[in-house]
Amino acid sequence: MSPFWKTDWLERQQNIIKWWNHTGLVLSLIADRQAPREDIPEPPAPADWGTWWTDPEYRLSAAEATMARRDYLLEAFPYFDPQIGPGSLGTFLGSKPHFMEGTVWYEACITNLELDGPIQFSPKNNHWLDVHMALINKGLANARGRYLVGIPDLIENLDTLAALRGDTNLLFDLVERQGWVQERLAEINQAFYAAFDLIYNRVKDSQGANTFSAFALWGPGKTAKVQCDISASISPKMFRKFVVPHLTEQCQWLDYAMYHLDGTTCLQHLDALLEIEPLKAIEWTPQAGLPGGGSERWFDIYRRIKAGGKSVQVVSVAPEDMLPLLDAIGPQGIFIIFDRTVDPRTAEKMVKMAESYY
């Protein structure tokens, strides 16, 4: 077996576990190598975006070429991300993806509420599940101990129902068909558990740990990012009524769950999230046009999350903002993802500067 492309991985796992427990510091620092660790050529890009997103041969070749040209420092680690857009669960349940450069859109499939029955997940004759599993199996077959293979960005709750029903239709349903929405959300939870377990049982290691591709998560048990981006369009009262009960159940089912809090219009729900006991961590993403996660503009949000007993993931942090951020909010329970890879000399300096914060 080839050696893992990160020699101190077992040691760094312990820091990630401490972070989940609100005490450790995680710094996901990636540096460009001066020469590839293996001679893996970059494959030519396919002619169409559907192939770009779904072809196992291309996706893995491109990922390996990238990983071979990077060093994974501190708590960063190499992994193959088999996602084909943010919302794989919806495709398993009938939503058709439309592939574009850099993103995927999902076509609503629940159109007649009288005729469309319960939402159910079945692995049989499930085309988009098969597409995902082909990517995952290709990664597992080729990894040879060099890198991990993640669980794709499944997504759940109202966001998955929005993919199936359409955003505007769902917002009307939240007012006019509240019982119908609650029934569908309960069914989506069950679909999530079934789909997650199917994939988890393929990618987990011998200790039951898994990588979740979105936001570079790893945990020593069932680990996932959870979210509800459409909550930007609903009130805190609606969020507590429709989202919180099913999200709480999902976080109880998982061993390690981190919530993706997306944009200032979702900050109205932070108090409700802090009340969800089995939710271990919260990530904050400023929307486009606003300063990145390392800006002092967001420090009070991080302090609020920490005071609420949750760990924090800070994304899109410029390397020069690392120390001011850690000094301002403290390193305990902080996970930083930087906004770019850095050159080897900068990486060496950052590693030395970070030592005293662990």
Protein backbone atom coordinates (compact mmCIF):
# COMPACT_ATOMS: atom_id res chain seq x y z
CA MET A 1 0.00 0.00 0.00
CA SER A 2 1.29 3.46 -0.88
CA PRO A 3 1.83 5.80 2.08
CA PHE A 4 -0.90 8.30 2.93
CA TRP A 5 -0.16 11.72 1.45
CA LYS A 6 0.02 13.14 4.98
CA THR A 7 2.57 11.63 7.35
CA ASP A 8 1.19 13.06 10.62
CA TRP A 9 -2.47 12.20 10.03
CA LEU A 10 -3.00 10.12 13.19
CA GLU A 11 -1.64 12.94 15.34
CA ARG A 12 -3.75 15.56 13.58
CA GLN A 13 -6.90 13.49 13.94
CA GLN A 14 -6.66 14.08 17.68
CA ASN A 15 -6.77 17.85 17.17
CA ILE A 16 -9.90 17.48 15.04
CA ILE A 17 -11.55 15.37 17.75
CA LYS A 18 -10.66 18.02 20.31
CA TRP A 19 -12.22 20.64 18.04
CA TRP A 20 -15.49 18.68 17.88
CA ASN A 21 -15.34 18.69 21.70
CA HIS A 22 -14.92 22.52 21.71
CA THR A 23 -11.34 22.55 23.01
CA GLY A 24 -9.01 22.04 20.02
CA LEU A 25 -7.71 24.17 17.16
CA VAL A 26 -7.90 23.02 13.53
CA LEU A 27 -6.01 24.80 10.75
CA SER A 28 -6.59 23.44 7.25
CA LEU A 29 -3.48 24.74 5.49
CA ILE A 30 -2.66 23.59 1.96
CA ALA A 31 0.56 24.51 0.14
CA ASP A 32 1.59 24.18 -3.48
CA ARG A 33 4.47 21.75 -3.93
CA GLN A 34 7.54 22.66 -5.93
CA ALA A 35 7.33 19.27 -7.65
CA PRO A 36 4.52 16.66 -7.75
CA ARG A 37 4.79 13.82 -5.25
CA GLU A 38 3.82 11.48 -8.10
CA ASP A 39 3.94 11.97 -11.86
CA ILE A 40 0.20 12.27 -12.44
CA PRO A 41 -0.66 14.31 -15.55
CA GLU A 42 -3.62 16.65 -15.54
CA PRO A 43 -6.33 15.20 -17.82
CA PRO A 44 -7.84 17.23 -20.66
CA ALA A 45 -11.18 18.76 -19.73
CA PRO A 46 -14.25 17.11 -21.26
CA ALA A 47 -16.22 18.90 -23.94
CA ASP A 48 -19.44 19.15 -21.91
CA TRP A 49 -20.25 19.97 -18.29
CA GLY A 50 -22.26 16.80 -17.71
CA THR A 51 -19.18 14.69 -18.39
CA TRP A 52 -17.03 17.09 -16.36
CA TRP A 53 -19.20 16.52 -13.30
CA THR A 54 -20.05 12.83 -13.62
CA ASP A 55 -17.31 10.92 -15.44
CA PRO A 56 -15.38 8.86 -12.85
CA GLU A 57 -12.22 8.59 -14.96
CA TYR A 58 -11.95 12.33 -15.51
CA ARG A 59 -13.01 13.37 -12.01
CA LEU A 60 -10.54 11.09 -10.26
CA SER A 61 -7.67 11.84 -12.66
CA ALA A 62 -8.19 15.57 -12.14
CA ALA A 63 -8.42 15.17 -8.35
CA GLU A 64 -5.28 13.02 -8.15
CA ALA A 65 -3.33 15.46 -10.33
CA THR A 66 -4.30 18.27 -7.95
CA MET A 67 -3.61 16.34 -4.75
CA ALA A 68 -0.20 15.20 -6.02
CA ARG A 69 0.80 18.85 -6.41
CA ARG A 70 -0.13 19.90 -2.87
CA ASP A 71 1.12 19.48 0.68
CA TYR A 72 -1.50 19.03 3.38
CA LEU A 73 -0.24 20.79 6.47
CA LEU A 74 -1.44 21.01 10.07
CA GLU A 75 -4.97 19.50 10.01
CA ALA A 76 -5.52 19.60 6.23
CA PHE A 77 -5.76 16.18 4.59
CA PRO A 78 -6.12 14.86 1.03
CA TYR A 79 -9.49 13.45 0.00
CA PHE A 80 -11.40 12.73 -3.18
CA ASP A 81 -14.67 14.65 -3.27
CA PRO A 82 -17.34 12.68 -5.22
CA GLN A 83 -20.02 15.37 -5.05
CA ILE A 84 -21.87 16.44 -8.20
CA GLY A 85 -23.36 19.61 -6.78
CA PRO A 86 -24.89 20.74 -3.48
CA GLY A 87 -27.91 18.50 -3.10
CA SER A 88 -27.25 14.88 -4.01
CA LEU A 89 -30.13 13.57 -1.89
CA GLY A 90 -32.65 15.46 -4.00
CA THR A 91 -31.37 13.70 -7.13
CA PHE A 92 -31.79 10.33 -5.42
CA LEU A 93 -35.43 11.29 -4.79
CA GLY A 94 -36.32 12.41 -8.31
CA SER A 95 -34.91 15.89 -8.92
CA LYS A 96 -32.99 16.18 -12.20
CA PRO A 97 -29.65 18.02 -12.04
CA HIS A 98 -28.63 20.53 -14.68
CA PHE A 99 -24.86 20.86 -14.93
CA MET A 100 -23.08 24.15 -15.54
CA GLU A 101 -19.63 25.58 -15.03
CA GLY A 102 -18.97 25.67 -11.30
CA THR A 103 -22.51 24.82 -10.20
CA VAL A 104 -25.51 22.51 -10.53
CA TRP A 105 -29.21 23.44 -10.57
CA TYR A 106 -32.04 21.08 -9.67
CA GLU A 107 -35.36 20.62 -11.44
CA ALA A 108 -38.48 20.33 -9.29
CA CYS A 109 -40.35 17.04 -9.62
CA ILE A 110 -43.29 17.27 -7.14
CA THR A 111 -45.97 19.03 -9.16
CA ASN A 112 -49.31 17.48 -8.19
CA LEU A 113 -49.77 17.22 -4.45
CA GLU A 114 -52.83 14.99 -4.86
CA LEU A 115 -51.06 12.42 -7.04
CA ASP A 116 -47.48 12.52 -5.78
CA GLY A 117 -47.18 10.08 -2.88
CA PRO A 118 -44.73 9.93 0.03
CA ILE A 119 -41.07 10.73 -0.53
CA GLN A 120 -39.16 7.46 -0.43
CA PHE A 121 -35.57 6.51 -1.11
CA SER A 122 -34.84 3.31 -2.99
CA PRO A 123 -31.35 2.27 -4.11
CA LYS A 124 -32.82 0.09 -6.88
CA ASN A 125 -32.80 1.52 -10.41
CA ASN A 126 -31.67 4.84 -8.98
CA HIS A 127 -29.66 6.48 -11.77
CA TRP A 128 -28.18 9.38 -9.83
CA LEU A 129 -27.27 7.19 -6.88
CA ASP A 130 -25.48 4.91 -9.35
CA VAL A 131 -23.61 7.92 -10.77
CA HIS A 132 -22.44 8.89 -7.28
CA MET A 133 -21.48 5.35 -6.37
CA ALA A 134 -19.46 4.99 -9.57
CA LEU A 135 -17.43 8.05 -8.52
CA ILE A 136 -17.03 6.74 -4.97
CA ASN A 137 -16.05 3.25 -6.08
CA LYS A 138 -13.51 4.66 -8.54
CA GLY A 139 -11.96 6.69 -5.74
CA LEU A 140 -11.86 3.76 -3.34
CA ALA A 141 -10.32 1.48 -5.97
CA ASN A 142 -7.59 3.94 -6.87
CA ALA A 143 -6.79 5.50 -3.48
CA ARG A 144 -4.37 2.74 -2.40
CA GLY A 145 -4.01 4.42 0.98
CA ARG A 146 -2.86 7.74 -0.49
CA TYR A 147 -6.02 9.76 0.25
CA LEU A 148 -9.51 9.46 1.72
CA VAL A 149 -12.82 9.32 -0.16
CA GLY A 150 -15.62 11.55 1.09
CA ILE A 151 -19.38 11.39 1.35
CA PRO A 152 -20.95 13.78 -1.18
CA ASP A 153 -22.92 16.87 -0.18
CA LEU A 154 -26.29 15.20 0.40
CA ILE A 155 -28.29 18.10 1.98
CA GLU A 156 -31.57 17.62 3.80
CA ASN A 157 -34.59 19.26 5.44
CA LEU A 158 -36.31 22.19 3.66
CA ASP A 159 -33.47 22.57 1.17
CA THR A 160 -34.07 19.09 -0.24
CA LEU A 161 -37.84 19.65 -0.26
CA ALA A 162 -37.22 22.92 -2.14
CA ALA A 163 -35.22 20.99 -4.75
CA LEU A 164 -38.11 18.57 -5.18
CA ARG A 165 -40.95 21.10 -5.03
CA GLY A 166 -39.38 24.37 -6.20
CA ASP A 167 -38.52 27.30 -3.94
CA THR A 168 -41.58 29.44 -4.64
CA ASN A 169 -44.02 26.53 -4.39
CA LEU A 170 -42.49 25.45 -1.09
CA LEU A 171 -42.77 28.92 0.41
CA PHE A 172 -46.50 28.89 -0.36
CA ASP A 173 -46.73 25.35 1.05
CA LEU A 174 -45.24 26.56 4.34
CA VAL A 175 -48.29 28.78 4.74
CA GLU A 176 -51.02 26.80 2.99
CA ARG A 177 -50.06 23.12 3.49
CA GLN A 178 -48.19 22.98 6.76
CA GLY A 179 -49.18 19.41 7.58
CA TRP A 180 -48.05 18.25 4.14
CA VAL A 181 -44.67 19.94 4.64
CA GLN A 182 -44.16 18.29 8.04
CA GLU A 183 -44.94 14.86 6.60
CA ARG A 184 -42.50 15.35 3.73
CA LEU A 185 -39.74 16.58 6.05
CA ALA A 186 -40.09 13.47 8.20
CA GLU A 187 -39.80 11.35 5.06
CA ILE A 188 -36.73 13.29 3.90
CA ASN A 189 -35.03 12.54 7.23
CA GLN A 190 -35.63 8.83 6.69
CA ALA A 191 -34.31 9.10 3.13
CA PHE A 192 -31.21 10.90 4.40
CA TYR A 193 -30.50 8.17 6.95
CA ALA A 194 -30.86 5.41 4.35
CA ALA A 195 -28.74 7.15 1.71
CA PHE A 196 -26.10 8.24 4.20
CA ASP A 197 -25.75 4.73 5.63
CA LEU A 198 -25.42 3.19 2.18
CA ILE A 199 -22.54 5.52 1.29
CA TYR A 200 -21.04 5.62 4.79
CA ASN A 201 -20.71 1.84 4.82
CA ARG A 202 -18.61 2.08 1.65
CA VAL A 203 -16.26 4.88 2.69
CA LYS A 204 -15.88 4.56 6.49
CA ASP A 205 -12.57 3.34 7.87
CA SER A 206 -12.05 0.41 10.22
CA GLN A 207 -12.79 2.65 13.23
CA GLY A 208 -16.05 3.99 11.76
CA ALA A 209 -14.67 7.43 10.83
CA ASN A 210 -15.70 9.23 7.66
CA THR A 211 -14.89 12.30 5.63
CA PHE A 212 -17.75 14.55 4.51
CA SER A 213 -16.64 16.37 1.40
CA ALA A 214 -18.31 19.73 2.01
CA PHE A 215 -16.14 21.97 4.23
CA ALA A 216 -13.37 19.37 4.59
CA LEU A 217 -14.96 17.61 7.58
CA TRP A 218 -13.66 14.46 9.22
CA GLY A 219 -14.97 12.80 12.35
CA PRO A 220 -14.51 9.49 14.22
CA GLY A 221 -18.12 8.43 13.57
CA LYS A 222 -21.01 9.39 11.31
CA THR A 223 -20.00 12.92 10.29
CA ALA A 224 -21.83 15.43 8.11
CA LYS A 225 -22.49 19.06 7.35
CA VAL A 226 -26.18 20.03 7.71
CA GLN A 227 -27.95 23.16 6.51
CA CYS A 228 -31.11 25.04 5.56
CA ASP A 229 -30.24 27.81 3.11
CA ILE A 230 -33.87 28.53 2.25
CA SER A 231 -34.25 29.67 5.85
CA ALA A 232 -33.11 33.06 4.53
CA SER A 233 -36.71 33.40 3.29
CA ILE A 234 -38.60 32.37 6.44
CA SER A 235 -39.11 33.83 9.91
CA PRO A 236 -37.49 32.59 13.13
CA LYS A 237 -40.93 31.31 14.18
CA MET A 238 -41.23 29.20 11.01
CA PHE A 239 -37.65 28.01 11.38
CA ARG A 240 -38.37 26.73 14.87
CA LYS A 241 -41.58 25.08 13.72
CA PHE A 242 -40.43 23.38 10.52
CA VAL A 243 -36.65 23.12 10.58
CA VAL A 244 -35.53 22.68 14.18
CA PRO A 245 -37.42 19.45 15.04
CA HIS A 246 -36.18 17.53 12.01
CA LEU A 247 -32.69 19.04 12.22
CA THR A 248 -32.48 18.06 15.90
CA GLU A 249 -33.45 14.48 15.06
CA GLN A 250 -30.86 14.39 12.28
CA CYS A 251 -28.11 15.71 14.56
CA GLN A 252 -29.02 13.11 17.18
CA TRP A 253 -28.73 10.39 14.54
CA LEU A 254 -25.31 11.61 13.42
CA ASP A 255 -22.29 11.41 15.69
CA TYR A 256 -20.75 14.69 14.50
CA ALA A 257 -22.84 17.39 12.83
CA MET A 258 -21.82 20.90 11.76
CA TYR A 259 -24.38 23.45 10.55
CA HIS A 260 -23.61 25.59 7.47
CA LEU A 261 -24.95 29.08 8.24
CA ASP A 262 -25.08 30.84 4.88
CA GLY A 263 -25.27 34.62 4.69
CA THR A 264 -26.47 37.48 6.84
CA THR A 265 -30.15 36.81 6.11
CA CYS A 266 -29.79 33.48 7.94
CA LEU A 267 -28.25 34.99 11.08
CA GLN A 268 -31.76 35.51 12.46
CA HIS A 269 -31.82 31.76 13.21
CA LEU A 270 -28.58 31.55 15.18
CA ASP A 271 -30.29 31.53 18.59
CA ALA A 272 -32.42 28.55 17.56
CA LEU A 273 -29.36 26.69 16.29
CA LEU A 274 -27.48 27.26 19.53
CA GLU A 275 -30.35 25.58 21.37
CA ILE A 276 -29.95 22.31 19.41
CA GLU A 277 -27.99 20.24 21.92
CA PRO A 278 -26.68 17.47 19.59
CA LEU A 279 -25.39 20.03 17.05
CA LYS A 280 -21.67 20.24 17.74
CA ALA A 281 -20.43 23.02 15.47
CA ILE A 282 -21.54 25.94 13.29
CA GLU A 283 -19.83 27.26 10.16
CA TRP A 284 -20.44 30.84 8.97
CA THR A 285 -20.28 31.83 5.29
CA PRO A 286 -20.49 35.55 4.44
CA GLN A 287 -22.31 36.05 1.15
CA ALA A 288 -20.60 37.31 -2.00
CA GLY A 289 -19.58 40.94 -1.84
CA LEU A 290 -18.86 40.91 1.90
CA PRO A 291 -15.47 40.47 3.62
CA GLY A 292 -14.20 36.92 4.06
CA GLY A 293 -14.51 34.91 7.23
CA GLY A 294 -11.31 36.30 8.73
CA SER A 295 -12.64 39.87 8.86
CA GLU A 296 -13.13 41.46 12.28
CA ARG A 297 -16.67 42.23 11.14
CA TRP A 298 -17.59 38.64 12.04
CA PHE A 299 -15.70 38.22 15.32
CA ASP A 300 -18.78 38.78 17.48
CA ILE A 301 -20.61 36.03 15.59
CA TYR A 302 -17.80 33.60 16.40
CA ARG A 303 -17.79 34.69 20.04
CA ARG A 304 -21.55 34.19 20.19
CA ILE A 305 -21.28 30.67 18.76
CA LYS A 306 -18.52 29.74 21.20
CA ALA A 307 -20.46 31.20 24.13
CA GLY A 308 -23.40 29.05 23.04
CA GLY A 309 -21.34 25.91 23.53
CA LYS A 310 -20.63 25.12 19.87
CA SER A 311 -17.38 24.87 17.96
CA VAL A 312 -16.79 27.30 15.08
CA GLN A 313 -15.61 26.79 11.53
CA VAL A 314 -14.28 29.96 9.88
CA VAL A 315 -13.97 29.85 6.07
CA SER A 316 -12.36 32.02 3.39
CA VAL A 317 -9.69 33.30 5.76
CA ALA A 318 -6.76 35.16 4.21
CA PRO A 319 -3.45 33.80 5.55
CA GLU A 320 -2.52 37.21 6.95
CA ASP A 321 -5.74 37.22 9.01
CA MET A 322 -4.95 33.99 10.87
CA LEU A 323 -3.20 35.49 13.91
CA PRO A 324 -5.53 38.51 14.38
CA LEU A 325 -8.48 36.12 14.28
CA LEU A 326 -7.00 33.70 16.81
CA ASP A 327 -5.91 36.52 19.10
CA ALA A 328 -9.36 38.10 19.00
CA ILE A 329 -11.55 35.05 19.64
CA GLY A 330 -9.14 32.48 21.08
CA PRO A 331 -8.04 29.21 19.45
CA GLN A 332 -10.23 26.80 21.45
CA GLY A 333 -12.97 25.29 19.30
CA ILE A 334 -11.83 27.11 16.13
CA PHE A 335 -11.45 25.49 12.68
CA ILE A 336 -9.97 27.72 9.97
CA ILE A 337 -10.13 27.05 6.24
CA PHE A 338 -7.95 29.44 4.26
CA ASP A 339 -9.07 31.18 1.10
CA ARG A 340 -6.24 29.82 -1.04
CA THR A 341 -3.27 27.54 -1.20
CA VAL A 342 0.02 29.17 -0.30
CA ASP A 343 3.60 28.85 -1.51
CA PRO A 344 6.02 26.64 0.48
CA ARG A 345 7.83 29.55 2.15
CA THR A 346 4.58 31.14 3.34
CA ALA A 347 3.37 27.76 4.55
CA GLU A 348 6.51 27.23 6.61
CA LYS A 349 6.09 30.63 8.26
CA MET A 350 2.41 29.99 9.01
CA VAL A 351 3.14 26.61 10.59
CA LYS A 352 5.72 28.19 12.90
CA MET A 353 3.40 31.06 13.81
CA ALA A 354 0.58 28.65 14.63
CA GLU A 355 2.60 26.44 17.01
CA SER A 356 1.95 28.49 20.13
CA TYR A 357 -1.81 28.47 19.61
CA TYR A 358 -2.25 24.70 19.95
